[in-house]
Amino acid sequence: MTGARQNVISEASGNTTNFKRYRQFYIAPDIDLTKIKTRSRSLKTIFGVFGFLKFPAPTVEFNGNGKTKFYWLYF
Protein backbone atom coordinates (compact mmCIF):
# COMPACT_ATOMS: atom_id res chain seq x y z
CA MET A 1 0.00 0.00 0.00
CA THR A 2 1.63 3.20 -1.11
CA GLY A 3 -0.94 5.83 -0.13
CA ALA A 4 -2.67 6.53 3.16
CA ARG A 5 -6.18 6.70 1.69
CA GLN A 6 -5.74 6.29 -2.05
CA ASN A 7 -3.11 5.36 -4.62
CA VAL A 8 -3.26 8.17 -7.15
CA ILE A 9 0.22 8.91 -8.48
CA SER A 10 0.74 12.14 -10.40
CA GLU A 11 3.63 12.11 -12.82
CA ALA A 12 5.56 15.16 -14.00
CA SER A 13 3.91 14.82 -17.43
CA GLY A 14 0.47 15.38 -15.89
CA ASN A 15 -0.66 11.75 -16.17
CA THR A 16 -2.23 10.14 -13.13
CA THR A 17 -2.24 6.46 -12.32
CA ASN A 18 -4.69 4.81 -9.95
CA PHE A 19 -4.11 1.19 -8.92
CA LYS A 20 -5.85 -1.16 -6.50
CA ARG A 21 -4.15 -1.80 -3.14
CA TYR A 22 -4.08 -5.26 -1.59
CA ARG A 23 -2.42 -7.03 1.32
CA GLN A 24 0.27 -9.68 0.95
CA PHE A 25 1.30 -12.34 3.47
CA TYR A 26 4.36 -14.53 2.97
CA ILE A 27 5.15 -17.82 4.68
CA ALA A 28 8.68 -19.23 4.41
CA PRO A 29 10.98 -21.39 6.53
CA ASP A 30 13.53 -19.59 8.66
CA ILE A 31 16.92 -21.29 8.93
CA ASP A 32 18.67 -20.70 12.28
CA LEU A 33 22.38 -21.35 11.70
CA THR A 34 23.17 -21.31 15.44
CA LYS A 35 21.12 -24.51 15.90
CA ILE A 36 23.50 -26.52 13.66
CA LYS A 37 25.52 -28.80 15.92
CA THR A 38 29.26 -28.71 15.36
CA ARG A 39 32.39 -29.20 17.47
CA SER A 40 34.40 -26.63 15.55
CA ARG A 41 34.74 -23.28 17.35
CA SER A 42 35.41 -21.50 14.06
CA LEU A 43 32.20 -22.85 12.49
CA LYS A 44 30.22 -21.87 15.60
CA THR A 45 31.65 -18.35 15.30
CA ILE A 46 30.83 -18.16 11.59
CA PHE A 47 27.29 -19.43 12.20
CA GLY A 48 26.84 -16.87 14.99
CA VAL A 49 28.12 -13.98 12.89
CA PHE A 50 26.02 -14.84 9.82
CA GLY A 51 22.97 -16.01 11.77
CA PHE A 52 21.12 -12.76 11.08
CA LEU A 53 21.09 -13.33 7.30
CA LYS A 54 17.93 -14.47 5.54
CA PHE A 55 18.64 -17.08 2.92
CA PRO A 56 16.39 -17.47 -0.15
CA ALA A 57 13.87 -20.22 0.51
CA PRO A 58 10.65 -21.58 -1.00
CA THR A 59 7.81 -19.20 -0.13
CA VAL A 60 4.02 -19.15 -0.34
CA GLU A 61 2.24 -15.81 -0.84
CA PHE A 62 -1.37 -15.21 0.18
CA ASN A 63 -2.77 -11.90 -1.04
CA GLY A 64 -5.92 -9.85 -0.65
CA ASN A 65 -7.04 -10.65 -4.19
CA GLY A 66 -7.79 -14.22 -3.09
CA LYS A 67 -4.80 -15.62 -4.98
CA THR A 68 -2.03 -17.87 -3.72
CA LYS A 69 1.40 -17.88 -5.37
CA PHE A 70 4.38 -20.17 -4.84
CA TYR A 71 7.97 -19.00 -5.30
CA TRP A 72 10.85 -21.48 -5.51
CA LEU A 73 13.29 -18.92 -4.06
CA TYR A 74 12.25 -15.64 -2.46
CA PHE A 75 13.99 -13.11 -0.19
PDB file of N, CA and C in Angstrom:
ATOM      1  N   MET A   1       0.848  -1.157   0.000  1.00  0.00           N
ATOM      2  CA  MET A   1       0.000   0.000   0.000  1.00  0.00           C
ATOM      3  C   MET A   1       0.904   1.233   0.000  1.00  0.00           C
ATOM      4  N   THR A   2       0.742   2.049  -0.983  1.00  0.00           N
ATOM      5  CA  THR A   2       1.629   3.198  -1.106  1.00  0.00           C
ATOM      6  C   THR A   2       1.012   4.502  -0.627  1.00  0.00           C
ATOM      7  N   GLY A   3      -0.290   4.597  -0.579  1.00  0.00           N
ATOM      8  CA  GLY A   3      -0.942   5.826  -0.131  1.00  0.00           C
ATOM      9  C   GLY A   3      -1.717   5.605   1.152  1.00  0.00           C
ATOM     10  N   ALA A   4      -1.946   6.661   1.904  1.00  0.00           N
ATOM     11  CA  ALA A   4      -2.672   6.530   3.160  1.00  0.00           C
ATOM     12  C   ALA A   4      -4.151   6.224   2.907  1.00  0.00           C
ATOM     13  N   ARG A   5      -4.754   6.906   1.954  1.00  0.00           N
ATOM     14  CA  ARG A   5      -6.182   6.702   1.694  1.00  0.00           C
ATOM     15  C   ARG A   5      -6.457   6.293   0.244  1.00  0.00           C
ATOM     16  N   GLN A   6      -5.561   6.632  -0.643  1.00  0.00           N
ATOM     17  CA  GLN A   6      -5.739   6.292  -2.049  1.00  0.00           C
ATOM     18  C   GLN A   6      -4.383   6.155  -2.722  1.00  0.00           C
ATOM     19  N   ASN A   7      -4.364   5.599  -3.902  1.00  0.00           N
ATOM     20  CA  ASN A   7      -3.111   5.364  -4.617  1.00  0.00           C
ATOM     21  C   ASN A   7      -3.077   6.110  -5.946  1.00  0.00           C
ATOM     22  N   VAL A   8      -3.341   7.371  -5.935  1.00  0.00           N
ATOM     23  CA  VAL A   8      -3.257   8.175  -7.151  1.00  0.00           C
ATOM     24  C   VAL A   8      -1.856   8.760  -7.233  1.00  0.00           C
ATOM     25  N   ILE A   9      -1.148   8.430  -8.290  1.00  0.00           N
ATOM     26  CA  ILE A   9       0.217   8.907  -8.485  1.00  0.00           C
ATOM     27  C   ILE A   9       0.214   9.909  -9.631  1.00  0.00           C
ATOM     28  N   SER A  10       0.643  11.114  -9.367  1.00  0.00           N
ATOM     29  CA  SER A  10       0.737  12.136 -10.402  1.00  0.00           C
ATOM     30  C   SER A  10       2.166  12.171 -10.906  1.00  0.00           C
ATOM     31  N   GLU A  11       2.314  12.064 -12.205  1.00  0.00           N
ATOM     32  CA  GLU A  11       3.635  12.108 -12.817  1.00  0.00           C
ATOM     33  C   GLU A  11       3.920  13.539 -13.278  1.00  0.00           C
ATOM     34  N   ALA A  12       5.151  13.820 -13.554  1.00  0.00           N
ATOM     35  CA  ALA A  12       5.558  15.160 -13.996  1.00  0.00           C
ATOM     36  C   ALA A  12       4.877  15.533 -15.317  1.00  0.00           C
ATOM     37  N   SER A  13       4.535  14.539 -16.129  1.00  0.00           N
ATOM     38  CA  SER A  13       3.913  14.815 -17.427  1.00  0.00           C
ATOM     39  C   SER A  13       2.429  15.141 -17.307  1.00  0.00           C
ATOM     40  N   GLY A  14       1.881  15.056 -16.072  1.00  0.00           N
ATOM     41  CA  GLY A  14       0.467  15.376 -15.891  1.00  0.00           C
ATOM     42  C   GLY A  14      -0.436  14.150 -15.888  1.00  0.00           C
ATOM     43  N   ASN A  15       0.135  12.983 -16.198  1.00  0.00           N
ATOM     44  CA  ASN A  15      -0.659  11.755 -16.172  1.00  0.00           C
ATOM     45  C   ASN A  15      -0.847  11.285 -14.736  1.00  0.00           C
ATOM     46  N   THR A  16      -1.994  10.716 -14.453  1.00  0.00           N
ATOM     47  CA  THR A  16      -2.233  10.137 -13.127  1.00  0.00           C
ATOM     48  C   THR A  16      -2.514   8.662 -13.270  1.00  0.00           C
ATOM     49  N   THR A  17      -2.050   7.904 -12.324  1.00  0.00           N
ATOM     50  CA  THR A  17      -2.242   6.460 -12.325  1.00  0.00           C
ATOM     51  C   THR A  17      -2.940   6.071 -11.026  1.00  0.00           C
ATOM     52  N   ASN A  18      -3.975   5.287 -11.122  1.00  0.00           N
ATOM     53  CA  ASN A  18      -4.688   4.811  -9.948  1.00  0.00           C
ATOM     54  C   ASN A  18      -4.675   3.282  -9.986  1.00  0.00           C
ATOM     55  N   PHE A  19      -4.158   2.645  -8.952  1.00  0.00           N
ATOM     56  CA  PHE A  19      -4.115   1.194  -8.920  1.00  0.00           C
ATOM     57  C   PHE A  19      -4.688   0.679  -7.613  1.00  0.00           C
ATOM     58  N   LYS A  20      -5.190  -0.557  -7.647  1.00  0.00           N
ATOM     59  CA  LYS A  20      -5.846  -1.162  -6.497  1.00  0.00           C
ATOM     60  C   LYS A  20      -4.805  -1.644  -5.489  1.00  0.00           C
ATOM     61  N   ARG A  21      -5.035  -1.334  -4.204  1.00  0.00           N
ATOM     62  CA  ARG A  21      -4.154  -1.798  -3.139  1.00  0.00           C
ATOM     63  C   ARG A  21      -4.636  -3.155  -2.649  1.00  0.00           C
ATOM     64  N   TYR A  22      -3.709  -3.984  -2.192  1.00  0.00           N
ATOM     65  CA  TYR A  22      -4.082  -5.260  -1.591  1.00  0.00           C
ATOM     66  C   TYR A  22      -2.982  -5.715  -0.647  1.00  0.00           C
ATOM     67  N   ARG A  23      -3.367  -6.521   0.330  1.00  0.00           N
ATOM     68  CA  ARG A  23      -2.421  -7.031   1.323  1.00  0.00           C
ATOM     69  C   ARG A  23      -1.723  -8.278   0.803  1.00  0.00           C
ATOM     70  N   GLN A  24      -0.503  -8.489   1.307  1.00  0.00           N
ATOM     71  CA  GLN A  24       0.268  -9.681   0.951  1.00  0.00           C
ATOM     72  C   GLN A  24       0.849 -10.282   2.218  1.00  0.00           C
ATOM     73  N   PHE A  25       0.716 -11.597   2.364  1.00  0.00           N
ATOM     74  CA  PHE A  25       1.304 -12.338   3.472  1.00  0.00           C
ATOM     75  C   PHE A  25       2.203 -13.417   2.892  1.00  0.00           C
ATOM     76  N   TYR A  26       3.396 -13.556   3.458  1.00  0.00           N
ATOM     77  CA  TYR A  26       4.357 -14.530   2.971  1.00  0.00           C
ATOM     78  C   TYR A  26       4.694 -15.511   4.090  1.00  0.00           C
ATOM     79  N   ILE A  27       4.747 -16.789   3.735  1.00  0.00           N
ATOM     80  CA  ILE A  27       5.151 -17.823   4.684  1.00  0.00           C
ATOM     81  C   ILE A  27       6.354 -18.552   4.083  1.00  0.00           C
ATOM     82  N   ALA A  28       7.455 -18.588   4.867  1.00  0.00           N
ATOM     83  CA  ALA A  28       8.684 -19.229   4.408  1.00  0.00           C
ATOM     84  C   ALA A  28       9.416 -19.798   5.612  1.00  0.00           C
ATOM     85  N   PRO A  29      10.196 -20.861   5.413  1.00  0.00           N
ATOM     86  CA  PRO A  29      10.982 -21.394   6.529  1.00  0.00           C
ATOM     87  C   PRO A  29      12.108 -20.441   6.903  1.00  0.00           C
ATOM     88  N   ASP A  30      12.437 -20.426   8.163  1.00  0.00           N
ATOM     89  CA  ASP A  30      13.533 -19.591   8.657  1.00  0.00           C
ATOM     90  C   ASP A  30      14.632 -20.513   9.157  1.00  0.00           C
ATOM     91  N   ILE A  31      15.805 -20.410   8.586  1.00  0.00           N
ATOM     92  CA  ILE A  31      16.916 -21.287   8.929  1.00  0.00           C
ATOM     93  C   ILE A  31      17.761 -20.607  10.006  1.00  0.00           C
ATOM     94  N   ASP A  32      17.872 -21.236  11.176  1.00  0.00           N
ATOM     95  CA  ASP A  32      18.670 -20.704  12.284  1.00  0.00           C
ATOM     96  C   ASP A  32      20.021 -21.418  12.286  1.00  0.00           C
ATOM     97  N   LEU A  33      21.052 -20.734  11.817  1.00  0.00           N
ATOM     98  CA  LEU A  33      22.375 -21.347  11.700  1.00  0.00           C
ATOM     99  C   LEU A  33      22.975 -21.716  13.052  1.00  0.00           C
ATOM    100  N   THR A  34      22.593 -21.021  14.123  1.00  0.00           N
ATOM    101  CA  THR A  34      23.170 -21.307  15.437  1.00  0.00           C
ATOM    102  C   THR A  34      22.678 -22.638  15.998  1.00  0.00           C
ATOM    103  N   LYS A  35      21.640 -23.223  15.428  1.00  0.00           N
ATOM    104  CA  LYS A  35      21.125 -24.513  15.901  1.00  0.00           C
ATOM    105  C   LYS A  35      21.835 -25.706  15.252  1.00  0.00           C
ATOM    106  N   ILE A  36      22.731 -25.453  14.302  1.00  0.00           N
ATOM    107  CA  ILE A  36      23.496 -26.518  13.663  1.00  0.00           C
ATOM    108  C   ILE A  36      24.582 -26.987  14.632  1.00  0.00           C
ATOM    109  N   LYS A  37      24.558 -28.258  14.963  1.00  0.00           N
ATOM    110  CA  LYS A  37      25.523 -28.800  15.919  1.00  0.00           C
ATOM    111  C   LYS A  37      26.865 -29.048  15.241  1.00  0.00           C
ATOM    112  N   THR A  38      27.903 -28.505  15.846  1.00  0.00           N
ATOM    113  CA  THR A  38      29.263 -28.706  15.358  1.00  0.00           C
ATOM    114  C   THR A  38      30.234 -28.593  16.535  1.00  0.00           C
ATOM    115  N   ARG A  39      31.359 -29.269  16.427  1.00  0.00           N
ATOM    116  CA  ARG A  39      32.391 -29.202  17.473  1.00  0.00           C
ATOM    117  C   ARG A  39      33.419 -28.119  17.181  1.00  0.00           C
ATOM    118  N   SER A  40      33.406 -27.618  15.973  1.00  0.00           N
ATOM    119  CA  SER A  40      34.400 -26.628  15.554  1.00  0.00           C
ATOM    120  C   SER A  40      34.035 -25.239  16.091  1.00  0.00           C
ATOM    121  N   ARG A  41      34.975 -24.627  16.825  1.00  0.00           N
ATOM    122  CA  ARG A  41      34.743 -23.279  17.345  1.00  0.00           C
ATOM    123  C   ARG A  41      34.634 -22.269  16.210  1.00  0.00           C
ATOM    124  N   SER A  42      35.438 -22.462  15.162  1.00  0.00           N
ATOM    125  CA  SER A  42      35.406 -21.502  14.055  1.00  0.00           C
ATOM    126  C   SER A  42      34.064 -21.551  13.321  1.00  0.00           C
ATOM    127  N   LEU A  43      33.510 -22.753  13.132  1.00  0.00           N
ATOM    128  CA  LEU A  43      32.199 -22.846  12.486  1.00  0.00           C
ATOM    129  C   LEU A  43      31.105 -22.251  13.373  1.00  0.00           C
ATOM    130  N   LYS A  44      31.199 -22.472  14.687  1.00  0.00           N
ATOM    131  CA  LYS A  44      30.224 -21.873  15.598  1.00  0.00           C
ATOM    132  C   LYS A  44      30.276 -20.350  15.516  1.00  0.00           C
ATOM    133  N   THR A  45      31.484 -19.803  15.422  1.00  0.00           N
ATOM    134  CA  THR A  45      31.647 -18.354  15.298  1.00  0.00           C
ATOM    135  C   THR A  45      31.063 -17.851  13.989  1.00  0.00           C
ATOM    136  N   ILE A  46      31.359 -18.548  12.910  1.00  0.00           N
ATOM    137  CA  ILE A  46      30.832 -18.159  11.590  1.00  0.00           C
ATOM    138  C   ILE A  46      29.312 -18.223  11.589  1.00  0.00           C
ATOM    139  N   PHE A  47      28.737 -19.303  12.148  1.00  0.00           N
ATOM    140  CA  PHE A  47      27.285 -19.429  12.197  1.00  0.00           C
ATOM    141  C   PHE A  47      26.668 -18.331  13.048  1.00  0.00           C
ATOM    142  N   GLY A  48      27.336 -17.947  14.133  1.00  0.00           N
ATOM    143  CA  GLY A  48      26.840 -16.871  14.987  1.00  0.00           C
ATOM    144  C   GLY A  48      26.882 -15.516  14.308  1.00  0.00           C
ATOM    145  N   VAL A  49      27.960 -15.260  13.568  1.00  0.00           N
ATOM    146  CA  VAL A  49      28.118 -13.980  12.886  1.00  0.00           C
ATOM    147  C   VAL A  49      27.112 -13.845  11.745  1.00  0.00           C
ATOM    148  N   PHE A  50      26.913 -14.902  10.975  1.00  0.00           N
ATOM    149  CA  PHE A  50      26.021 -14.839   9.818  1.00  0.00           C
ATOM    150  C   PHE A  50      24.611 -15.329  10.118  1.00  0.00           C
ATOM    151  N   GLY A  51      24.293 -15.523  11.389  1.00  0.00           N
ATOM    152  CA  GLY A  51      22.972 -16.013  11.771  1.00  0.00           C
ATOM    153  C   GLY A  51      21.843 -15.041  11.494  1.00  0.00           C
ATOM    154  N   PHE A  52      22.156 -13.763  11.323  1.00  0.00           N
ATOM    155  CA  PHE A  52      21.116 -12.758  11.079  1.00  0.00           C
ATOM    156  C   PHE A  52      20.677 -12.713   9.620  1.00  0.00           C
ATOM    157  N   LEU A  53      21.415 -13.371   8.720  1.00  0.00           N
ATOM    158  CA  LEU A  53      21.094 -13.326   7.300  1.00  0.00           C
ATOM    159  C   LEU A  53      19.875 -14.184   6.975  1.00  0.00           C
ATOM    160  N   LYS A  54      19.077 -13.712   6.043  1.00  0.00           N
ATOM    161  CA  LYS A  54      17.931 -14.473   5.543  1.00  0.00           C
ATOM    162  C   LYS A  54      18.330 -15.080   4.211  1.00  0.00           C
ATOM    163  N   PHE A  55      18.268 -16.383   4.136  1.00  0.00           N
ATOM    164  CA  PHE A  55      18.635 -17.079   2.915  1.00  0.00           C
ATOM    165  C   PHE A  55      17.399 -17.272   2.042  1.00  0.00           C
ATOM    166  N   PRO A  56      17.537 -17.223   0.715  1.00  0.00           N
ATOM    167  CA  PRO A  56      16.392 -17.470  -0.149  1.00  0.00           C
ATOM    168  C   PRO A  56      15.835 -18.871   0.118  1.00  0.00           C
ATOM    169  N   ALA A  57      14.526 -18.951   0.197  1.00  0.00           N
ATOM    170  CA  ALA A  57      13.873 -20.222   0.505  1.00  0.00           C
ATOM    171  C   ALA A  57      12.549 -20.287  -0.252  1.00  0.00           C
ATOM    172  N   PRO A  58      11.990 -21.481  -0.401  1.00  0.00           N
ATOM    173  CA  PRO A  58      10.654 -21.579  -0.997  1.00  0.00           C
ATOM    174  C   PRO A  58       9.638 -20.806  -0.148  1.00  0.00           C
ATOM    175  N   THR A  59       8.746 -20.093  -0.821  1.00  0.00           N
ATOM    176  CA  THR A  59       7.807 -19.204  -0.130  1.00  0.00           C
ATOM    177  C   THR A  59       6.423 -19.313  -0.741  1.00  0.00           C
ATOM    178  N   VAL A  60       5.408 -19.191   0.112  1.00  0.00           N
ATOM    179  CA  VAL A  60       4.022 -19.146  -0.337  1.00  0.00           C
ATOM    180  C   VAL A  60       3.481 -17.750  -0.025  1.00  0.00           C
ATOM    181  N   GLU A  61       2.842 -17.136  -1.021  1.00  0.00           N
ATOM    182  CA  GLU A  61       2.240 -15.814  -0.844  1.00  0.00           C
ATOM    183  C   GLU A  61       0.724 -15.939  -0.854  1.00  0.00           C
ATOM    184  N   PHE A  62       0.082 -15.343   0.139  1.00  0.00           N
ATOM    185  CA  PHE A  62      -1.369 -15.215   0.178  1.00  0.00           C
ATOM    186  C   PHE A  62      -1.660 -13.725   0.069  1.00  0.00           C
ATOM    187  N   ASN A  63      -2.514 -13.324  -0.901  1.00  0.00           N
ATOM    188  CA  ASN A  63      -2.772 -11.897  -1.042  1.00  0.00           C
ATOM    189  C   ASN A  63      -4.260 -11.592  -0.941  1.00  0.00           C
ATOM    190  N   GLY A  64      -4.556 -10.321  -0.825  1.00  0.00           N
ATOM    191  CA  GLY A  64      -5.922  -9.854  -0.645  1.00  0.00           C
ATOM    192  C   GLY A  64      -6.806 -10.026  -1.857  1.00  0.00           C
ATOM    193  N   ASN A  65      -6.251 -10.391  -2.987  1.00  0.00           N
ATOM    194  CA  ASN A  65      -7.035 -10.651  -4.193  1.00  0.00           C
ATOM    195  C   ASN A  65      -7.598 -12.069  -4.209  1.00  0.00           C
ATOM    196  N   GLY A  66      -7.318 -12.843  -3.152  1.00  0.00           N
ATOM    197  CA  GLY A  66      -7.787 -14.218  -3.093  1.00  0.00           C
ATOM    198  C   GLY A  66      -6.906 -15.185  -3.862  1.00  0.00           C
ATOM    199  N   LYS A  67      -5.709 -14.767  -4.219  1.00  0.00           N
ATOM    200  CA  LYS A  67      -4.799 -15.618  -4.982  1.00  0.00           C
ATOM    201  C   LYS A  67      -3.679 -16.118  -4.084  1.00  0.00           C
ATOM    202  N   THR A  68      -3.177 -17.283  -4.417  1.00  0.00           N
ATOM    203  CA  THR A  68      -2.033 -17.873  -3.723  1.00  0.00           C
ATOM    204  C   THR A  68      -0.946 -18.119  -4.764  1.00  0.00           C
ATOM    205  N   LYS A  69       0.268 -17.678  -4.453  1.00  0.00           N
ATOM    206  CA  LYS A  69       1.396 -17.878  -5.365  1.00  0.00           C
ATOM    207  C   LYS A  69       2.495 -18.636  -4.636  1.00  0.00           C
ATOM    208  N   PHE A  70       3.238 -19.444  -5.382  1.00  0.00           N
ATOM    209  CA  PHE A  70       4.377 -20.170  -4.835  1.00  0.00           C
ATOM    210  C   PHE A  70       5.633 -19.701  -5.544  1.00  0.00           C
ATOM    211  N   TYR A  71       6.671 -19.420  -4.768  1.00  0.00           N
ATOM    212  CA  TYR A  71       7.970 -19.004  -5.301  1.00  0.00           C
ATOM    213  C   TYR A  71       9.013 -20.038  -4.878  1.00  0.00           C
ATOM    214  N   TRP A  72       9.801 -20.503  -5.826  1.00  0.00           N
ATOM    215  CA  TRP A  72      10.847 -21.482  -5.512  1.00  0.00           C
ATOM    216  C   TRP A  72      11.904 -20.859  -4.597  1.00  0.00           C
ATOM    217  N   LEU A  73      12.322 -19.647  -4.899  1.00  0.00           N
ATOM    218  CA  LEU A  73      13.285 -18.919  -4.063  1.00  0.00           C
ATOM    219  C   LEU A  73      12.804 -17.490  -3.943  1.00  0.00           C
ATOM    220  N   TYR A  74      12.743 -16.990  -2.710  1.00  0.00           N
ATOM    221  CA  TYR A  74      12.253 -15.637  -2.465  1.00  0.00           C
ATOM    222  C   TYR A  74      12.968 -15.053  -1.266  1.00  0.00           C
ATOM    223  N   PHE A  75      13.338 -13.781  -1.322  1.00  0.00           N
ATOM    224  CA  PHE A  75      13.987 -13.110  -0.191  1.00  0.00           C
ATOM    225  C   PHE A  75      12.928 -12.498   0.688  1.00  0.00           C
TER     226      PHE A  75
END
